[in-house]
Amino acid sequence: MDYKSISSFLSSIKENDELRLEDSLKLWVCDMIDSGLAVSSRKRYAEKLSTLYKEYGNGDGIAANPFDSIKELCALNAPVNARLLQSELTKIESVFDTIMTDAKSKPELAVFLYLLFNASSDIEKAISLTTEEYTPEFRQLDEIIRTAEFHHRRKYVFELNQSRKRMPQLVREVTNAIDFYFRVKNINFPEGFTSKTTLSLWLAKARRCGVRLADLKRMVDVIPAEYEYLRLVKSTKLTTDEIRSIKHRVAESFAPSGKRWYAIKLRRGVAYDILTENIKTNFAEYYDDRLLFYPQREVARRVEKRIVTSVTPIIPDVVFIYINPRYIRKVDTLIKSERLGYVFRITSDVDSDFSVIATRSMTGFQNMIGIFTPDIKVELTAESPVGLGREVLITGGIMSGYEGTIYDIREGSDIKHIYIRLSDKYSIKAEVKVEAYFVKAIG
């Protein structure tokens, strides 16, 4: 229990170490509530950590026990609606492509998406939004609203017959239409659809994306009942760009655009070829040469008097997959059912989103190991920029980051061995053997 309580606390505050202890403790308890931990378990964790704190804080010498500030919070019953909302969120994610399509012809659904992407509960503001006030921000939403096709006489972004109806009637009609749409798809919100439902859904999705509770407190203007405990969290200070970045991250998670890199962990004893054939068979419509990437290199070793070569993976049992996010859950379900492995997630929570590898990071990794996907071909030409006397930067390998001037090139059997003078101050010559595609001309 000592280990579990300390580990739980440190995991919660690892990105919030600038907070006072009282605020960190509140954040920790809110994290436990958010994860669905029972009241009894929360109390045990807090009591154990409090005991350890007293032991290492000279016992009675502590003027005020910071754990007193979280006693009521530990006993707080997590709203039942919060867990129900999570299950409905999963259903919404599964039909989100349909929602996006229907929103092009149903203005009420377009209002729903506007509120969802903007993390807002102000439905009246969305209904009253004019074409002059509208600022394109989310590509997914812009494709539906089609700002380029606004008629010069069109006043409102969402055509809801605003000029002939009062606002209370419009709000009622929009919420009823959205509620009916989801009920037809067997998606029922705990208290029916209200103006705050979209905000609750956005918060639930943001948590799956790994957004911190302290950041969420700063992001929303109204705290829904399902997240009442957020009031006890001290919000962080976010810049406009940081807020925009979080909103786009959540929007991409709802309606992804383009492909992303993910990582698959193979079960012990499962060969890469078995995974390839399985996915190729079951995902034929999505499969191409770049879908899976398992970098391997040939290693030569001497066995007595013979040279033996073998193929070794760069990262054993980790396969990278390049796919549209809307299909990654299907891949994960498939390889789990076949007992081949699983796709890495952001956290260990079964509802956590899958961990995305930034394209920039993946490109840097490929440059470093010198192994690329089949669609990338690297070869030297007669007009190579890495000629004698050129100022160059080494972008990969052990000498990555060094600059110098090429003063000699020796032709090898398979790669170019490039010798670069790294310093003239002491007349030191350094022999650097790197693949030619790790050398970038800068002068």
Protein backbone atom coordinates (compact mmCIF):
# COMPACT_ATOMS: atom_id res chain seq x y z
CA MET A 1 0.00 0.00 0.00
CA ASP A 2 2.96 2.33 0.67
CA TYR A 3 4.15 1.83 -2.89
CA LYS A 4 0.69 2.14 -4.47
CA SER A 5 -0.19 5.37 -2.67
CA ILE A 6 3.16 7.04 -3.39
CA SER A 7 3.18 5.85 -7.00
CA SER A 8 -0.39 7.09 -7.54
CA PHE A 9 0.43 10.51 -6.08
CA LEU A 10 3.67 10.97 -8.05
CA SER A 11 2.00 9.87 -11.27
CA SER A 12 -0.70 12.51 -10.76
CA ILE A 13 1.63 15.44 -10.03
CA LYS A 14 4.53 14.64 -12.35
CA GLU A 15 3.52 17.47 -14.69
CA ASN A 16 2.33 19.80 -11.92
CA ASP A 17 5.38 20.02 -9.66
CA GLU A 18 5.05 23.81 -9.47
CA LEU A 19 1.88 23.58 -7.34
CA ARG A 20 1.71 23.88 -3.56
CA LEU A 21 1.30 20.58 -1.71
CA GLU A 22 -2.36 21.29 -0.86
CA ASP A 23 -3.17 21.96 -4.52
CA SER A 24 -1.22 18.87 -5.61
CA LEU A 25 -3.19 16.72 -3.17
CA LYS A 26 -6.51 18.07 -4.46
CA LEU A 27 -5.39 17.36 -8.02
CA TRP A 28 -4.41 13.82 -7.00
CA VAL A 29 -7.82 13.09 -5.47
CA CYS A 30 -9.57 14.54 -8.52
CA ASP A 31 -7.49 12.25 -10.73
CA MET A 32 -8.63 9.29 -8.62
CA ILE A 33 -12.26 10.39 -8.89
CA ASP A 34 -11.87 10.87 -12.63
CA SER A 35 -10.46 7.35 -13.02
CA GLY A 36 -13.46 5.88 -11.17
CA LEU A 37 -11.61 4.82 -8.01
CA ALA A 38 -14.01 3.95 -5.17
CA VAL A 39 -14.39 6.21 -2.12
CA SER A 40 -12.96 3.53 0.19
CA SER A 41 -9.85 3.16 -1.98
CA ARG A 42 -9.33 6.91 -2.15
CA LYS A 43 -9.53 7.16 1.63
CA ARG A 44 -7.02 4.33 2.11
CA TYR A 45 -4.55 5.91 -0.31
CA ALA A 46 -4.87 9.32 1.34
CA GLU A 47 -4.55 7.91 4.87
CA LYS A 48 -1.45 5.93 3.97
CA LEU A 49 0.21 8.91 2.28
CA SER A 50 -0.73 11.12 5.24
CA THR A 51 0.92 8.66 7.65
CA LEU A 52 4.10 8.62 5.58
CA TYR A 53 4.08 12.41 5.41
CA LYS A 54 3.87 12.69 9.19
CA GLU A 55 6.64 10.13 9.68
CA TYR A 56 9.02 11.98 7.40
CA GLY A 57 7.84 15.41 8.52
CA ASN A 58 8.83 15.05 12.19
CA GLY A 59 5.38 14.00 13.35
CA ASP A 60 3.82 16.53 15.71
CA GLY A 61 6.23 19.21 14.54
CA ILE A 62 3.99 19.88 11.53
CA ALA A 63 2.02 23.07 12.13
CA ALA A 64 -0.85 22.17 9.80
CA ASN A 65 -1.59 18.87 8.14
CA PRO A 66 -2.19 19.54 4.41
CA PHE A 67 -4.17 16.30 4.19
CA ASP A 68 -6.98 17.88 6.20
CA SER A 69 -7.90 19.87 3.08
CA ILE A 70 -8.79 16.72 1.08
CA LYS A 71 -10.84 14.74 3.62
CA GLU A 72 -14.19 15.91 2.21
CA LEU A 73 -12.94 15.50 -1.33
CA CYS A 74 -11.90 11.88 -0.65
CA ALA A 75 -15.43 11.14 0.58
CA LEU A 76 -17.08 12.76 -2.44
CA ASN A 77 -19.21 10.38 -4.47
CA ALA A 78 -18.28 10.59 -8.13
CA PRO A 79 -21.33 11.51 -10.23
CA VAL A 80 -22.83 8.39 -11.78
CA ASN A 81 -23.50 10.36 -14.93
CA ALA A 82 -19.77 10.78 -15.54
CA ARG A 83 -19.27 7.02 -16.07
CA LEU A 84 -22.43 6.77 -18.19
CA LEU A 85 -21.20 9.65 -20.30
CA GLN A 86 -17.96 7.76 -21.00
CA SER A 87 -19.87 4.85 -22.49
CA GLU A 88 -21.95 7.19 -24.66
CA LEU A 89 -18.77 8.91 -25.80
CA THR A 90 -17.49 5.57 -27.10
CA LYS A 91 -20.71 5.14 -29.10
CA ILE A 92 -20.42 8.65 -30.53
CA GLU A 93 -16.83 7.97 -31.60
CA SER A 94 -17.97 4.88 -33.49
CA VAL A 95 -20.51 6.84 -35.58
CA PHE A 96 -18.59 10.10 -35.88
CA ASP A 97 -18.01 9.72 -39.62
CA THR A 98 -21.79 9.54 -40.06
CA ILE A 99 -22.30 12.58 -37.85
CA MET A 100 -19.83 14.58 -39.96
CA THR A 101 -21.62 13.56 -43.16
CA ASP A 102 -25.12 14.27 -41.83
CA ALA A 103 -24.03 17.66 -40.48
CA LYS A 104 -23.59 18.90 -44.06
CA SER A 105 -27.35 18.75 -44.52
CA LYS A 106 -28.55 19.12 -40.91
CA PRO A 107 -27.73 22.58 -39.48
CA GLU A 108 -28.59 21.39 -35.94
CA LEU A 109 -25.76 18.83 -36.11
CA ALA A 110 -23.44 21.52 -37.48
CA VAL A 111 -24.24 23.57 -34.36
CA PHE A 112 -23.41 20.51 -32.24
CA LEU A 113 -20.01 20.15 -33.96
CA TYR A 114 -19.29 23.86 -33.59
CA LEU A 115 -19.91 23.65 -29.84
CA LEU A 116 -17.95 20.40 -29.56
CA PHE A 117 -14.81 21.59 -31.34
CA ASN A 118 -14.83 24.94 -29.55
CA ALA A 119 -15.37 23.40 -26.07
CA SER A 120 -18.34 25.69 -25.54
CA SER A 121 -21.80 25.42 -23.98
CA ASP A 122 -23.06 28.72 -25.36
CA ILE A 123 -25.65 27.39 -27.80
CA GLU A 124 -27.28 30.81 -28.16
CA LYS A 125 -24.01 32.30 -29.37
CA ALA A 126 -23.62 29.51 -31.93
CA ILE A 127 -27.15 30.03 -33.24
CA SER A 128 -26.59 33.80 -33.47
CA LEU A 129 -23.17 33.47 -35.17
CA THR A 130 -23.07 35.59 -38.33
CA THR A 131 -20.97 35.04 -41.43
CA GLU A 132 -19.04 38.22 -40.62
CA GLU A 133 -18.19 37.00 -37.10
CA TYR A 134 -17.24 33.47 -38.09
CA THR A 135 -13.50 32.73 -38.10
CA PRO A 136 -12.37 29.49 -39.79
CA GLU A 137 -10.33 27.54 -37.25
CA PHE A 138 -11.07 23.82 -37.54
CA ARG A 139 -10.60 22.22 -40.94
CA GLN A 140 -13.17 19.53 -40.11
CA LEU A 141 -15.80 22.15 -39.34
CA ASP A 142 -14.88 24.43 -42.23
CA GLU A 143 -15.53 21.63 -44.72
CA ILE A 144 -19.08 21.37 -43.41
CA ILE A 145 -19.84 25.06 -43.12
CA ARG A 146 -18.18 25.77 -46.50
CA THR A 147 -17.39 29.40 -45.86
CA ALA A 148 -16.50 29.96 -49.52
CA GLU A 149 -20.11 29.29 -50.51
CA PHE A 150 -21.74 31.85 -48.22
CA HIS A 151 -24.32 33.77 -50.17
CA HIS A 152 -23.76 37.52 -50.08
CA ARG A 153 -27.20 37.99 -48.49
CA ARG A 154 -26.78 35.17 -45.98
CA LYS A 155 -26.53 36.58 -42.46
CA TYR A 156 -26.15 33.54 -40.18
CA VAL A 157 -23.65 30.70 -40.44
CA PHE A 158 -26.27 28.08 -39.51
CA GLU A 159 -29.55 28.37 -41.40
CA LEU A 160 -32.17 27.88 -38.65
CA ASN A 161 -34.74 30.46 -39.76
CA GLN A 162 -33.46 32.87 -37.11
CA SER A 163 -35.31 35.87 -38.51
CA ARG A 164 -38.73 34.31 -37.82
CA LYS A 165 -38.19 32.63 -34.45
CA ARG A 166 -37.28 33.75 -30.97
CA MET A 167 -34.11 32.49 -29.32
CA PRO A 168 -35.79 30.26 -26.67
CA GLN A 169 -37.71 28.48 -29.43
CA LEU A 170 -34.56 28.07 -31.53
CA VAL A 171 -32.59 26.64 -28.60
CA ARG A 172 -35.40 24.21 -27.82
CA GLU A 173 -35.69 23.06 -31.44
CA VAL A 174 -31.95 22.59 -31.87
CA THR A 175 -31.48 20.62 -28.63
CA ASN A 176 -34.55 18.46 -29.38
CA ALA A 177 -33.29 17.73 -32.91
CA ILE A 178 -29.84 16.73 -31.64
CA ASP A 179 -31.31 14.61 -28.84
CA PHE A 180 -33.59 12.81 -31.32
CA TYR A 181 -30.72 12.19 -33.74
CA PHE A 182 -28.63 10.46 -31.09
CA ARG A 183 -31.54 8.48 -29.63
CA VAL A 184 -32.19 7.04 -33.10
CA LYS A 185 -28.59 5.81 -33.00
CA ASN A 186 -29.13 4.33 -29.52
CA ILE A 187 -27.07 7.05 -27.83
CA ASN A 188 -28.89 8.29 -24.76
CA PHE A 189 -27.50 10.98 -22.51
CA PRO A 190 -28.16 10.61 -18.75
CA GLU A 191 -30.41 13.67 -18.53
CA GLY A 192 -31.19 14.14 -22.21
CA PHE A 193 -29.27 16.48 -24.49
CA THR A 194 -28.73 19.96 -23.06
CA SER A 195 -26.47 22.87 -23.91
CA LYS A 196 -23.86 21.50 -21.48
CA THR A 197 -23.78 17.99 -22.95
CA THR A 198 -21.30 18.90 -25.67
CA LEU A 199 -19.01 20.41 -23.05
CA SER A 200 -19.19 17.21 -20.98
CA LEU A 201 -18.37 15.15 -24.06
CA TRP A 202 -15.44 17.41 -24.90
CA LEU A 203 -14.05 17.10 -21.36
CA ALA A 204 -14.36 13.31 -21.47
CA LYS A 205 -12.57 13.18 -24.81
CA ALA A 206 -9.87 15.60 -23.67
CA ARG A 207 -9.10 13.33 -20.72
CA ARG A 208 -8.71 10.41 -23.12
CA CYS A 209 -6.27 12.56 -25.07
CA GLY A 210 -4.17 13.02 -21.94
CA VAL A 211 -5.08 16.67 -21.24
CA ARG A 212 -4.40 17.58 -17.60
CA LEU A 213 -7.28 18.40 -15.24
CA ALA A 214 -5.65 21.70 -14.35
CA ASP A 215 -5.61 22.64 -18.05
CA LEU A 216 -9.24 21.62 -18.47
CA LYS A 217 -10.24 23.92 -15.62
CA ARG A 218 -8.71 26.79 -17.60
CA MET A 219 -10.27 25.73 -20.90
CA VAL A 220 -13.97 25.74 -20.04
CA ASP A 221 -16.21 28.64 -19.09
CA VAL A 222 -18.83 26.46 -17.38
CA ILE A 223 -18.22 23.26 -15.38
CA PRO A 224 -20.86 20.57 -16.05
CA ALA A 225 -22.35 18.62 -13.15
CA GLU A 226 -20.44 15.47 -14.21
CA TYR A 227 -17.19 17.30 -13.52
CA GLU A 228 -18.17 19.23 -10.40
CA TYR A 229 -14.92 18.21 -8.67
CA LEU A 230 -12.98 20.32 -11.19
CA ARG A 231 -13.95 23.36 -9.12
CA LEU A 232 -11.46 22.20 -6.49
CA VAL A 233 -8.55 22.09 -8.94
CA LYS A 234 -6.29 25.09 -9.37
CA SER A 235 -6.25 25.98 -13.07
CA THR A 236 -3.05 26.53 -14.98
CA LYS A 237 -2.12 29.59 -17.01
CA LEU A 238 -2.34 28.84 -20.72
CA THR A 239 -1.46 31.07 -23.64
CA THR A 240 -3.83 31.55 -26.56
CA ASP A 241 -1.67 29.29 -28.70
CA GLU A 242 -1.67 26.56 -26.03
CA ILE A 243 -5.47 26.70 -25.76
CA ARG A 244 -5.79 26.50 -29.54
CA SER A 245 -3.37 23.57 -29.64
CA ILE A 246 -5.39 21.59 -27.07
CA LYS A 247 -8.65 22.27 -28.91
CA HIS A 248 -7.16 21.13 -32.21
CA ARG A 249 -5.77 18.02 -30.53
CA VAL A 250 -9.21 17.05 -29.25
CA ALA A 251 -10.87 17.93 -32.57
CA GLU A 252 -8.37 15.71 -34.40
CA SER A 253 -9.19 12.91 -31.99
CA PHE A 254 -12.90 13.24 -32.79
CA ALA A 255 -12.50 13.71 -36.55
CA PRO A 256 -8.97 12.82 -37.64
CA SER A 257 -7.57 14.08 -40.92
CA GLY A 258 -4.72 12.29 -42.66
CA LYS A 259 -2.62 9.38 -41.42
CA ARG A 260 -0.67 9.05 -38.17
CA TRP A 261 2.14 6.88 -36.87
CA TYR A 262 1.38 4.38 -34.09
CA ALA A 263 3.39 1.56 -32.48
CA ILE A 264 2.36 -2.08 -32.14
CA LYS A 265 3.87 -4.31 -29.47
CA LEU A 266 4.17 -7.91 -30.67
CA ARG A 267 3.57 -10.77 -28.28
CA ARG A 268 6.58 -12.89 -27.48
CA GLY A 269 7.26 -15.41 -30.23
CA VAL A 270 5.08 -13.66 -32.85
CA ALA A 271 7.01 -13.04 -36.06
CA TYR A 272 6.64 -9.81 -38.02
CA ASP A 273 5.63 -11.77 -41.15
CA ILE A 274 2.66 -13.29 -39.29
CA LEU A 275 1.40 -9.82 -38.32
CA THR A 276 1.88 -8.58 -41.88
CA GLU A 277 -0.07 -11.43 -43.47
CA ASN A 278 -2.88 -11.13 -40.93
CA ILE A 279 -3.36 -7.39 -41.42
CA LYS A 280 -2.94 -7.72 -45.19
CA THR A 281 -5.74 -10.30 -45.26
CA ASN A 282 -8.17 -8.51 -42.95
CA PHE A 283 -7.42 -4.90 -44.02
CA ALA A 284 -6.87 -5.37 -47.74
CA GLU A 285 -8.67 -2.10 -48.57
CA TYR A 286 -6.31 -0.08 -46.32
CA TYR A 287 -3.11 -2.01 -46.91
CA ASP A 288 -0.18 -0.57 -48.84
CA ASP A 289 3.61 -0.87 -48.70
CA ARG A 290 3.91 1.94 -46.18
CA LEU A 291 1.30 0.67 -43.73
CA LEU A 292 3.77 -1.30 -41.58
CA PHE A 293 7.36 -0.37 -40.79
CA TYR A 294 9.68 -2.77 -38.95
CA PRO A 295 13.23 -1.44 -39.32
CA GLN A 296 15.88 -4.16 -39.39
CA ARG A 297 19.59 -4.14 -40.23
CA GLU A 298 22.01 -6.81 -41.32
CA VAL A 299 24.62 -7.68 -38.71
CA ALA A 300 27.82 -9.58 -39.55
CA ARG A 301 29.75 -11.61 -36.97
CA ARG A 302 32.62 -14.05 -37.08
CA VAL A 303 31.96 -17.67 -36.16
CA GLU A 304 35.36 -19.36 -36.06
CA LYS A 305 36.70 -18.69 -39.57
CA ARG A 306 33.39 -17.85 -41.21
CA ILE A 307 31.52 -14.54 -41.44
CA VAL A 308 27.86 -15.08 -40.59
CA THR A 309 25.25 -12.43 -41.32
CA SER A 310 21.86 -12.12 -39.64
CA VAL A 311 18.97 -9.67 -39.76
CA THR A 312 18.24 -7.96 -36.43
CA PRO A 313 15.35 -5.53 -35.65
CA ILE A 314 16.32 -2.05 -34.47
CA ILE A 315 13.66 -2.22 -31.72
CA PRO A 316 12.69 -5.85 -31.12
CA ASP A 317 8.96 -6.68 -31.21
CA VAL A 318 7.85 -3.06 -31.90
CA VAL A 319 6.22 -2.52 -35.30
CA PHE A 320 5.22 0.94 -36.51
CA ILE A 321 1.97 1.42 -38.41
CA TYR A 322 1.01 4.43 -40.57
CA ILE A 323 -2.77 4.64 -40.77
CA ASN A 324 -5.76 6.95 -40.44
CA PRO A 325 -6.73 7.23 -36.75
CA ARG A 326 -10.30 6.14 -37.45
CA TYR A 327 -9.02 2.64 -38.31
CA ILE A 328 -6.46 2.11 -35.54
CA ARG A 329 -9.06 0.77 -33.08
CA LYS A 330 -10.04 -1.91 -35.59
CA VAL A 331 -6.39 -2.90 -35.97
CA ASP A 332 -5.97 -3.11 -32.20
CA THR A 333 -9.11 -5.25 -31.84
CA LEU A 334 -7.93 -7.56 -34.63
CA ILE A 335 -4.42 -8.22 -33.36
CA LYS A 336 -5.69 -8.67 -29.79
CA SER A 337 -8.28 -11.21 -30.88
CA GLU A 338 -5.61 -13.09 -32.83
CA ARG A 339 -3.23 -12.85 -29.84
CA LEU A 340 -0.60 -11.12 -31.95
CA GLY A 341 -0.05 -8.05 -29.76
CA TYR A 342 -1.59 -4.64 -29.07
CA VAL A 343 -1.32 -0.97 -30.04
CA PHE A 344 0.32 1.31 -27.45
CA ARG A 345 -2.02 3.72 -25.63
CA ILE A 346 -1.36 7.04 -23.87
CA THR A 347 -2.06 5.49 -20.47
CA SER A 348 -2.80 2.00 -19.15
CA ASP A 349 -6.52 2.82 -18.96
CA VAL A 350 -8.54 0.65 -21.37
CA ASP A 351 -10.44 3.77 -22.49
CA SER A 352 -7.29 5.78 -23.14
CA ASP A 353 -6.60 6.99 -26.67
CA PHE A 354 -3.89 5.34 -28.71
CA SER A 355 -0.48 6.97 -28.50
CA VAL A 356 0.39 8.93 -31.64
CA ILE A 357 4.00 9.31 -32.75
CA ALA A 358 4.65 12.77 -34.18
CA THR A 359 5.58 12.66 -37.87
CA ARG A 360 8.57 14.86 -37.16
CA SER A 361 9.82 12.46 -34.47
CA MET A 362 9.34 9.48 -36.78
CA THR A 363 11.26 11.18 -39.58
CA GLY A 364 14.07 11.99 -37.17
CA PHE A 365 14.16 8.35 -36.03
CA GLN A 366 14.35 7.13 -39.63
CA ASN A 367 17.13 9.59 -40.40
CA MET A 368 19.07 8.47 -37.34
CA ILE A 369 18.97 4.75 -38.14
CA GLY A 370 19.27 5.28 -41.89
CA ILE A 371 16.35 2.97 -42.67
CA PHE A 372 13.22 4.23 -44.38
CA THR A 373 9.84 2.98 -45.50
CA PRO A 374 9.63 1.46 -49.02
CA ASP A 375 8.19 4.66 -50.49
CA ILE A 376 11.40 6.55 -49.64
CA LYS A 377 14.39 5.89 -51.86
CA VAL A 378 17.80 7.31 -51.00
CA GLU A 379 20.64 7.27 -53.49
CA LEU A 380 23.50 9.48 -54.60
CA THR A 381 23.68 11.03 -58.04
CA ALA A 382 26.56 12.43 -60.04
CA GLU A 383 25.44 15.92 -59.01
CA SER A 384 25.61 15.18 -55.29
CA PRO A 385 25.86 18.37 -53.17
CA VAL A 386 28.36 16.70 -50.84
CA GLY A 387 31.39 17.51 -52.95
CA LEU A 388 34.88 18.57 -51.92
CA GLY A 389 35.09 21.93 -50.19
CA ARG A 390 31.40 22.06 -49.31
CA GLU A 391 30.24 23.24 -45.88
CA VAL A 392 28.05 20.46 -44.48
CA LEU A 393 26.05 19.45 -41.42
CA ILE A 394 25.91 15.84 -40.23
CA THR A 395 22.24 15.05 -39.49
CA GLY A 396 22.46 11.44 -38.27
CA GLY A 397 24.67 8.86 -36.69
CA ILE A 398 27.12 9.27 -33.85
CA MET A 399 28.46 12.61 -35.20
CA SER A 400 25.00 14.15 -35.61
CA GLY A 401 25.02 17.93 -35.13
CA TYR A 402 28.64 18.59 -36.19
CA GLU A 403 29.47 20.98 -39.00
CA GLY A 404 32.58 21.00 -41.13
CA THR A 405 34.16 21.18 -44.57
CA ILE A 406 34.61 18.11 -46.75
CA TYR A 407 38.25 17.79 -47.75
CA ASP A 408 38.30 14.18 -48.98
CA ILE A 409 35.85 11.52 -50.17
CA ARG A 410 36.76 7.88 -50.51
CA GLU A 411 34.61 5.51 -52.45
CA GLY A 412 33.54 2.39 -50.52
CA SER A 413 31.86 -0.74 -51.75
CA ASP A 414 28.39 0.28 -50.63
CA ILE A 415 28.57 3.72 -48.99
CA LYS A 416 30.68 6.82 -49.27
CA HIS A 417 33.21 7.35 -46.49
CA ILE A 418 33.34 11.09 -45.94
CA TYR A 419 36.21 12.76 -44.08
CA ILE A 420 35.40 16.10 -42.51
CA ARG A 421 37.68 18.59 -40.79
CA LEU A 422 35.81 19.45 -37.58
CA SER A 423 38.29 22.01 -36.20
CA ASP A 424 41.10 24.13 -37.59
CA LYS A 425 42.13 25.63 -34.28
CA TYR A 426 44.41 22.78 -33.31
CA SER A 427 44.80 21.34 -36.78
CA ILE A 428 42.82 18.29 -35.74
CA LYS A 429 41.47 16.04 -38.44
CA ALA A 430 38.62 13.75 -37.55
CA GLU A 431 37.74 10.79 -39.70
CA VAL A 432 33.95 10.46 -39.79
CA LYS A 433 32.41 7.49 -41.51
CA VAL A 434 28.75 8.22 -42.15
CA GLU A 435 26.22 7.29 -44.80
CA ALA A 436 25.99 10.00 -47.45
CA TYR A 437 22.30 10.74 -46.73
CA PHE A 438 23.31 11.88 -43.24
CA VAL A 439 25.26 14.78 -44.76
CA LYS A 440 23.40 18.01 -45.57
CA ALA A 441 25.01 20.83 -47.54
CA ILE A 442 24.75 24.19 -45.73
CA GLY A 443 27.18 26.32 -47.72
